[in-house]
C-alpha atoms as a PDB file:
ATOM      1  CA  MET A   1       0.000   0.000   0.000  1.00  0.00           C
ATOM      2  CA  GLU A   2       2.896   2.350   0.750  1.00  0.00           C
ATOM      3  CA  THR A   3       4.213   1.913  -2.798  1.00  0.00           C
ATOM      4  CA  VAL A   4       0.818   2.776  -4.286  1.00  0.00           C
ATOM      5  CA  LEU A   5       0.529   5.897  -2.133  1.00  0.00           C
ATOM      6  CA  SER A   6       4.056   6.963  -3.101  1.00  0.00           C
ATOM      7  CA  ILE A   7       3.050   6.620  -6.766  1.00  0.00           C
ATOM      8  CA  PHE A   8      -0.063   8.733  -6.121  1.00  0.00           C
ATOM      9  CA  VAL A   9       2.102  11.398  -4.470  1.00  0.00           C
ATOM     10  CA  GLY A  10       4.556  11.471  -7.374  1.00  0.00           C
ATOM     11  CA  ILE A  11       1.943  11.546 -10.116  1.00  0.00           C
ATOM     12  CA  SER A  12      -0.141  14.196  -8.342  1.00  0.00           C
ATOM     13  CA  LEU A  13       2.914  16.412  -7.838  1.00  0.00           C
ATOM     14  CA  SER A  14       3.858  15.848 -11.491  1.00  0.00           C
ATOM     15  CA  ALA A  15       0.393  16.950 -12.605  1.00  0.00           C
ATOM     16  CA  ALA A  16       0.799  20.071 -10.459  1.00  0.00           C
ATOM     17  CA  ALA A  17       4.031  20.779 -12.364  1.00  0.00           C
ATOM     18  CA  GLY A  18       1.880  21.021 -15.477  1.00  0.00           C
ATOM     19  CA  PHE A  19       0.194  24.059 -13.912  1.00  0.00           C
ATOM     20  CA  ARG A  20       3.334  25.636 -12.428  1.00  0.00           C
ATOM     21  CA  VAL A  21       6.763  24.041 -12.626  1.00  0.00           C
ATOM     22  CA  PHE A  22       8.160  25.271  -9.312  1.00  0.00           C
ATOM     23  CA  VAL A  23       5.136  25.223  -6.979  1.00  0.00           C
ATOM     24  CA  PRO A  24       5.155  21.429  -6.470  1.00  0.00           C
ATOM     25  CA  LEU A  25       8.939  21.425  -6.080  1.00  0.00           C
ATOM     26  CA  LEU A  26       8.601  24.110  -3.395  1.00  0.00           C
ATOM     27  CA  VAL A  27       5.790  22.215  -1.640  1.00  0.00           C
ATOM     28  CA  MET A  28       7.848  19.007  -1.811  1.00  0.00           C
ATOM     29  CA  SER A  29      10.863  20.804  -0.357  1.00  0.00           C
ATOM     30  CA  ILE A  30       8.783  22.263   2.477  1.00  0.00           C
ATOM     31  CA  ALA A  31       7.219  18.857   3.197  1.00  0.00           C
ATOM     32  CA  ALA A  32      10.631  17.172   3.227  1.00  0.00           C
ATOM     33  CA  ASN A  33      12.101  19.901   5.445  1.00  0.00           C
ATOM     34  CA  THR A  34       9.253  19.565   7.958  1.00  0.00           C
ATOM     35  CA  GLY A  35       9.310  15.762   8.002  1.00  0.00           C
ATOM     36  CA  HIS A  36       6.003  15.283   6.182  1.00  0.00           C
ATOM     37  CA  LEU A  37       7.601  13.595   3.186  1.00  0.00           C
ATOM     38  CA  SER A  38      10.440  11.126   2.824  1.00  0.00           C
ATOM     39  CA  LEU A  39      12.443  11.379  -0.366  1.00  0.00           C
ATOM     40  CA  THR A  40      13.997   8.429  -2.135  1.00  0.00           C
ATOM     41  CA  SER A  41      17.725   7.892  -2.096  1.00  0.00           C
ATOM     42  CA  GLY A  42      19.589  10.388  -4.232  1.00  0.00           C
ATOM     43  CA  PHE A  43      16.887  13.060  -3.960  1.00  0.00           C
ATOM     44  CA  GLU A  44      17.500  14.162  -0.379  1.00  0.00           C
ATOM     45  CA  TRP A  45      18.896  17.444  -1.769  1.00  0.00           C
ATOM     46  CA  ILE A  46      15.309  18.564  -2.443  1.00  0.00           C
ATOM     47  CA  GLY A  47      14.767  18.689   1.325  1.00  0.00           C
ATOM     48  CA  THR A  48      17.757  20.951   2.038  1.00  0.00           C
ATOM     49  CA  THR A  49      17.636  24.618   2.990  1.00  0.00           C
ATOM     50  CA  PRO A  50      19.485  25.781  -0.168  1.00  0.00           C
ATOM     51  CA  ALA A  51      16.944  23.906  -2.317  1.00  0.00           C
ATOM     52  CA  LEU A  52      14.079  25.420  -0.323  1.00  0.00           C
ATOM     53  CA  VAL A  53      15.468  28.918  -0.886  1.00  0.00           C
ATOM     54  CA  ALA A  54      16.064  28.285  -4.596  1.00  0.00           C
ATOM     55  CA  PHE A  55      12.572  26.824  -5.123  1.00  0.00           C
ATOM     56  CA  SER A  56      11.032  29.753  -3.206  1.00  0.00           C
ATOM     57  CA  ILE A  57      12.756  32.329  -5.405  1.00  0.00           C
ATOM     58  CA  ALA A  58      12.001  30.411  -8.612  1.00  0.00           C
ATOM     59  CA  THR A  59       8.346  30.022  -7.590  1.00  0.00           C
ATOM     60  CA  LEU A  60       8.001  33.736  -6.879  1.00  0.00           C
ATOM     61  CA  PHE A  61       9.475  34.696 -10.254  1.00  0.00           C
ATOM     62  CA  GLU A  62       7.364  32.100 -12.073  1.00  0.00           C
ATOM     63  CA  ILE A  63       4.153  33.335 -10.441  1.00  0.00           C
ATOM     64  CA  LEU A  64       4.914  36.991 -11.199  1.00  0.00           C
ATOM     65  CA  ALA A  65       5.956  36.299 -14.802  1.00  0.00           C
ATOM     66  CA  TYR A  66       2.654  34.589 -15.570  1.00  0.00           C
ATOM     67  CA  TYR A  67       0.831  37.845 -14.765  1.00  0.00           C
ATOM     68  CA  ILE A  68       2.674  39.769 -17.478  1.00  0.00           C
ATOM     69  CA  PRO A  69       0.680  39.747 -20.743  1.00  0.00           C
ATOM     70  CA  PHE A  70       2.313  37.840 -23.599  1.00  0.00           C
ATOM     71  CA  VAL A  71       5.210  36.833 -21.328  1.00  0.00           C
ATOM     72  CA  ASP A  72       2.773  34.205 -20.039  1.00  0.00           C
ATOM     73  CA  ASN A  73       2.397  32.783 -23.549  1.00  0.00           C
ATOM     74  CA  LEU A  74       6.160  32.779 -24.040  1.00  0.00           C
ATOM     75  CA  LEU A  75       6.581  30.958 -20.735  1.00  0.00           C
ATOM     76  CA  ASP A  76       4.130  28.285 -21.883  1.00  0.00           C
ATOM     77  CA  THR A  77       6.464  27.390 -24.744  1.00  0.00           C
ATOM     78  CA  ILE A  78       9.404  26.775 -22.411  1.00  0.00           C
ATOM     79  CA  ALA A  79       7.278  25.458 -19.551  1.00  0.00           C
ATOM     80  CA  THR A  80       6.357  22.257 -21.384  1.00  0.00           C
ATOM     81  CA  PRO A  81       9.842  20.727 -21.447  1.00  0.00           C
ATOM     82  CA  ALA A  82      10.516  22.129 -17.961  1.00  0.00           C
ATOM     83  CA  ALA A  83       7.276  20.579 -16.669  1.00  0.00           C
ATOM     84  CA  VAL A  84       8.246  17.207 -18.135  1.00  0.00           C
ATOM     85  CA  VAL A  85      11.646  17.309 -16.400  1.00  0.00           C
ATOM     86  CA  ALA A  86      10.028  18.436 -13.142  1.00  0.00           C
ATOM     87  CA  GLY A  87       7.410  15.689 -13.466  1.00  0.00           C
ATOM     88  CA  VAL A  88      10.094  13.051 -13.862  1.00  0.00           C
ATOM     89  CA  ILE A  89      12.022  14.385 -10.844  1.00  0.00           C
ATOM     90  CA  LEU A  90       8.887  14.695  -8.697  1.00  0.00           C
ATOM     91  CA  THR A  91       7.806  11.131  -9.373  1.00  0.00           C
ATOM     92  CA  ALA A  92      11.293   9.614  -9.175  1.00  0.00           C
ATOM     93  CA  SER A  93      11.935  11.290  -5.838  1.00  0.00           C
ATOM     94  CA  THR A  94       8.810   9.906  -4.161  1.00  0.00           C
ATOM     95  CA  VAL A  95       8.217   6.387  -5.515  1.00  0.00           C
ATOM     96  CA  THR A  96       9.304   3.696  -3.084  1.00  0.00           C
ATOM     97  CA  GLY A  97       9.199  -0.073  -3.095  1.00  0.00           C
ATOM     98  CA  LEU A  98       9.964  -0.625  -6.780  1.00  0.00           C
ATOM     99  CA  SER A  99      13.122  -1.624  -8.587  1.00  0.00           C
ATOM    100  CA  PRO A 100      15.148   1.279  -9.998  1.00  0.00           C
ATOM    101  CA  PHE A 101      14.125   0.251 -13.530  1.00  0.00           C
ATOM    102  CA  LEU A 102      10.413   0.330 -12.676  1.00  0.00           C
ATOM    103  CA  SER A 103      10.748   3.538 -10.650  1.00  0.00           C
ATOM    104  CA  TRP A 104      12.491   5.394 -13.454  1.00  0.00           C
ATOM    105  CA  SER A 105      10.152   3.968 -16.100  1.00  0.00           C
ATOM    106  CA  LEU A 106       7.182   5.147 -14.068  1.00  0.00           C
ATOM    107  CA  ALA A 107       8.808   8.530 -13.473  1.00  0.00           C
ATOM    108  CA  ILE A 108       9.520   9.083 -17.166  1.00  0.00           C
ATOM    109  CA  ILE A 109       6.265   7.731 -18.565  1.00  0.00           C
ATOM    110  CA  ALA A 110       3.720   8.639 -15.886  1.00  0.00           C
ATOM    111  CA  GLY A 111       5.432  11.597 -14.188  1.00  0.00           C
ATOM    112  CA  GLY A 112       6.727  13.273 -17.327  1.00  0.00           C
ATOM    113  CA  GLY A 113       3.660  12.288 -19.315  1.00  0.00           C
ATOM    114  CA  ILE A 114       1.111  13.652 -16.854  1.00  0.00           C
ATOM    115  CA  ALA A 115       3.070  16.903 -16.466  1.00  0.00           C
ATOM    116  CA  ALA A 116       3.156  17.311 -20.259  1.00  0.00           C
ATOM    117  CA  THR A 117      -0.552  16.540 -20.560  1.00  0.00           C
ATOM    118  CA  VAL A 118      -1.593  19.078 -17.916  1.00  0.00           C
ATOM    119  CA  GLN A 119       0.824  21.660 -19.343  1.00  0.00           C
ATOM    120  CA  SER A 120      -0.690  21.115 -22.802  1.00  0.00           C
ATOM    121  CA  ILE A 121      -4.177  21.668 -21.403  1.00  0.00           C
ATOM    122  CA  THR A 122      -3.087  24.892 -19.698  1.00  0.00           C
ATOM    123  CA  GLY A 123      -1.292  26.066 -22.840  1.00  0.00           C
ATOM    124  CA  VAL A 124      -4.408  25.537 -24.956  1.00  0.00           C
ATOM    125  CA  THR A 125      -6.500  27.315 -22.320  1.00  0.00           C
ATOM    126  CA  ARG A 126      -4.142  30.303 -22.225  1.00  0.00           C
ATOM    127  CA  LEU A 127      -3.989  30.470 -26.033  1.00  0.00           C
ATOM    128  CA  ALA A 128      -7.798  30.445 -26.187  1.00  0.00           C
ATOM    129  CA  SER A 129      -7.904  33.182 -23.551  1.00  0.00           C
ATOM    130  CA  THR A 130      -5.376  35.280 -25.452  1.00  0.00           C
ATOM    131  CA  THR A 131      -7.178  34.763 -28.755  1.00  0.00           C
ATOM    132  CA  THR A 132     -10.672  35.509 -27.475  1.00  0.00           C
ATOM    133  CA  THR A 133      -9.924  38.288 -24.976  1.00  0.00           C
ATOM    134  CA  GLY A 134      -6.683  39.760 -26.290  1.00  0.00           C
ATOM    135  CA  GLY A 135      -5.006  38.566 -23.094  1.00  0.00           C
ATOM    136  CA  VAL A 136      -7.326  40.471 -20.752  1.00  0.00           C
ATOM    137  CA  ALA A 137      -8.533  37.234 -19.121  1.00  0.00           C
ATOM    138  CA  ASN A 138      -5.041  35.729 -18.865  1.00  0.00           C
ATOM    139  CA  PRO A 139      -4.493  36.892 -15.254  1.00  0.00           C
ATOM    140  CA  ALA A 140      -7.617  34.943 -14.274  1.00  0.00           C
ATOM    141  CA  VAL A 141      -6.230  31.901 -16.070  1.00  0.00           C
ATOM    142  CA  SER A 142      -2.893  32.384 -14.280  1.00  0.00           C
ATOM    143  CA  THR A 143      -4.654  32.611 -10.930  1.00  0.00           C
ATOM    144  CA  ALA A 144      -6.617  29.419 -11.625  1.00  0.00           C
ATOM    145  CA  GLU A 145      -3.432  27.611 -12.646  1.00  0.00           C
ATOM    146  CA  LEU A 146      -1.628  28.767  -9.512  1.00  0.00           C
ATOM    147  CA  GLY A 147      -4.576  27.621  -7.418  1.00  0.00           C
ATOM    148  CA  GLY A 148      -4.575  24.270  -9.201  1.00  0.00           C
ATOM    149  CA  ALA A 149      -0.845  23.784  -8.649  1.00  0.00           C
ATOM    150  CA  THR A 150      -1.113  24.713  -4.979  1.00  0.00           C
ATOM    151  CA  LEU A 151      -4.208  22.617  -4.264  1.00  0.00           C
ATOM    152  CA  LEU A 152      -2.906  19.595  -6.132  1.00  0.00           C
ATOM    153  CA  SER A 153       0.507  19.831  -4.441  1.00  0.00           C
ATOM    154  CA  GLY A 154      -1.088  20.022  -0.999  1.00  0.00           C
ATOM    155  CA  LEU A 155      -3.394  17.105  -1.716  1.00  0.00           C
ATOM    156  CA  ALA A 156      -0.471  15.073  -3.051  1.00  0.00           C
ATOM    157  CA  ILE A 157       1.385  15.438   0.246  1.00  0.00           C
ATOM    158  CA  PHE A 158      -1.479  15.206   2.726  1.00  0.00           C
ATOM    159  CA  ILE A 159      -4.268  13.248   0.952  1.00  0.00           C
ATOM    160  CA  PRO A 160      -2.652  11.391  -1.986  1.00  0.00           C
ATOM    161  CA  VAL A 161      -5.834   9.489  -2.905  1.00  0.00           C
ATOM    162  CA  ALA A 162      -7.729  12.779  -3.287  1.00  0.00           C
ATOM    163  CA  GLY A 163      -4.812  14.148  -5.323  1.00  0.00           C
ATOM    164  CA  ILE A 164      -4.893  11.285  -7.812  1.00  0.00           C
ATOM    165  CA  ILE A 165      -8.689  11.563  -8.120  1.00  0.00           C
ATOM    166  CA  LEU A 166      -8.330  15.282  -8.877  1.00  0.00           C
ATOM    167  CA  VAL A 167      -5.664  14.472 -11.472  1.00  0.00           C
ATOM    168  CA  GLY A 168      -8.126  12.104 -13.172  1.00  0.00           C
ATOM    169  CA  ILE A 169     -10.847  14.755 -13.160  1.00  0.00           C
ATOM    170  CA  ILE A 170      -8.490  17.375 -14.627  1.00  0.00           C
ATOM    171  CA  ILE A 171      -7.339  15.044 -17.400  1.00  0.00           C
ATOM    172  CA  VAL A 172     -10.852  13.928 -18.359  1.00  0.00           C
ATOM    173  CA  TRP A 173     -12.142  17.514 -18.277  1.00  0.00           C
ATOM    174  CA  GLY A 174      -9.174  18.914 -20.212  1.00  0.00           C
ATOM    175  CA  ILE A 175      -9.181  16.277 -22.925  1.00  0.00           C
ATOM    176  CA  GLY A 176     -12.955  16.597 -23.283  1.00  0.00           C
ATOM    177  CA  ARG A 177     -12.645  20.363 -23.597  1.00  0.00           C
ATOM    178  CA  ILE A 178      -9.930  20.081 -26.246  1.00  0.00           C
ATOM    179  CA  ARG A 179     -11.949  17.514 -28.192  1.00  0.00           C
ATOM    180  CA  ARG A 180     -15.051  19.727 -28.140  1.00  0.00           C
ATOM    181  CA  LYS A 181     -13.022  22.691 -29.396  1.00  0.00           C
ATOM    182  CA  SER A 182     -11.375  20.670 -32.151  1.00  0.00           C
ATOM    183  CA  THR A 183     -14.676  19.235 -33.424  1.00  0.00           C
ATOM    184  CA  ALA A 184     -16.633  22.486 -33.177  1.00  0.00           C
ATOM    185  CA  PRO A 185     -17.568  24.035 -36.529  1.00  0.00           C
ATOM    186  CA  HIS A 186     -15.246  26.858 -37.513  1.00  0.00           C
END
């Protein structure tokens, strides 16, 4: 059961990285520093004070940058590969009870994949917001994404089953929304 919960934690944090790359890393660092999360061997550095400071600064800059019109769209282009890397790290650093091969396979496929999927959904949402409102609604989108990253990160640490359920809801909703948009008459 502990292995399954560790997978839920990693995948939920990876999904949160699709909303904001550094928020789940910061939450993970705080949780590790306060003893609420054990990190797998080789990832203990995430729970150090220098990492906590670095993730705090990076999170602050990321949050602020997403409130600058058109910079937010530029960030979405570089956020996708960054989210994938973060997703892999987040999952690899939490999964316990599996062989290294299975842990890394899961981290790359599930962690990186879920981060990329959520990031794609947010990118499409921001592009639609920019196209339809000229970017006026983008701060609301940024606020929703920040809220999603924060909520999902907190659930991942404290209620992993709720986190994975929320991930499922986000994926089903996002894919359904994209499908409806792509099949709508132009």
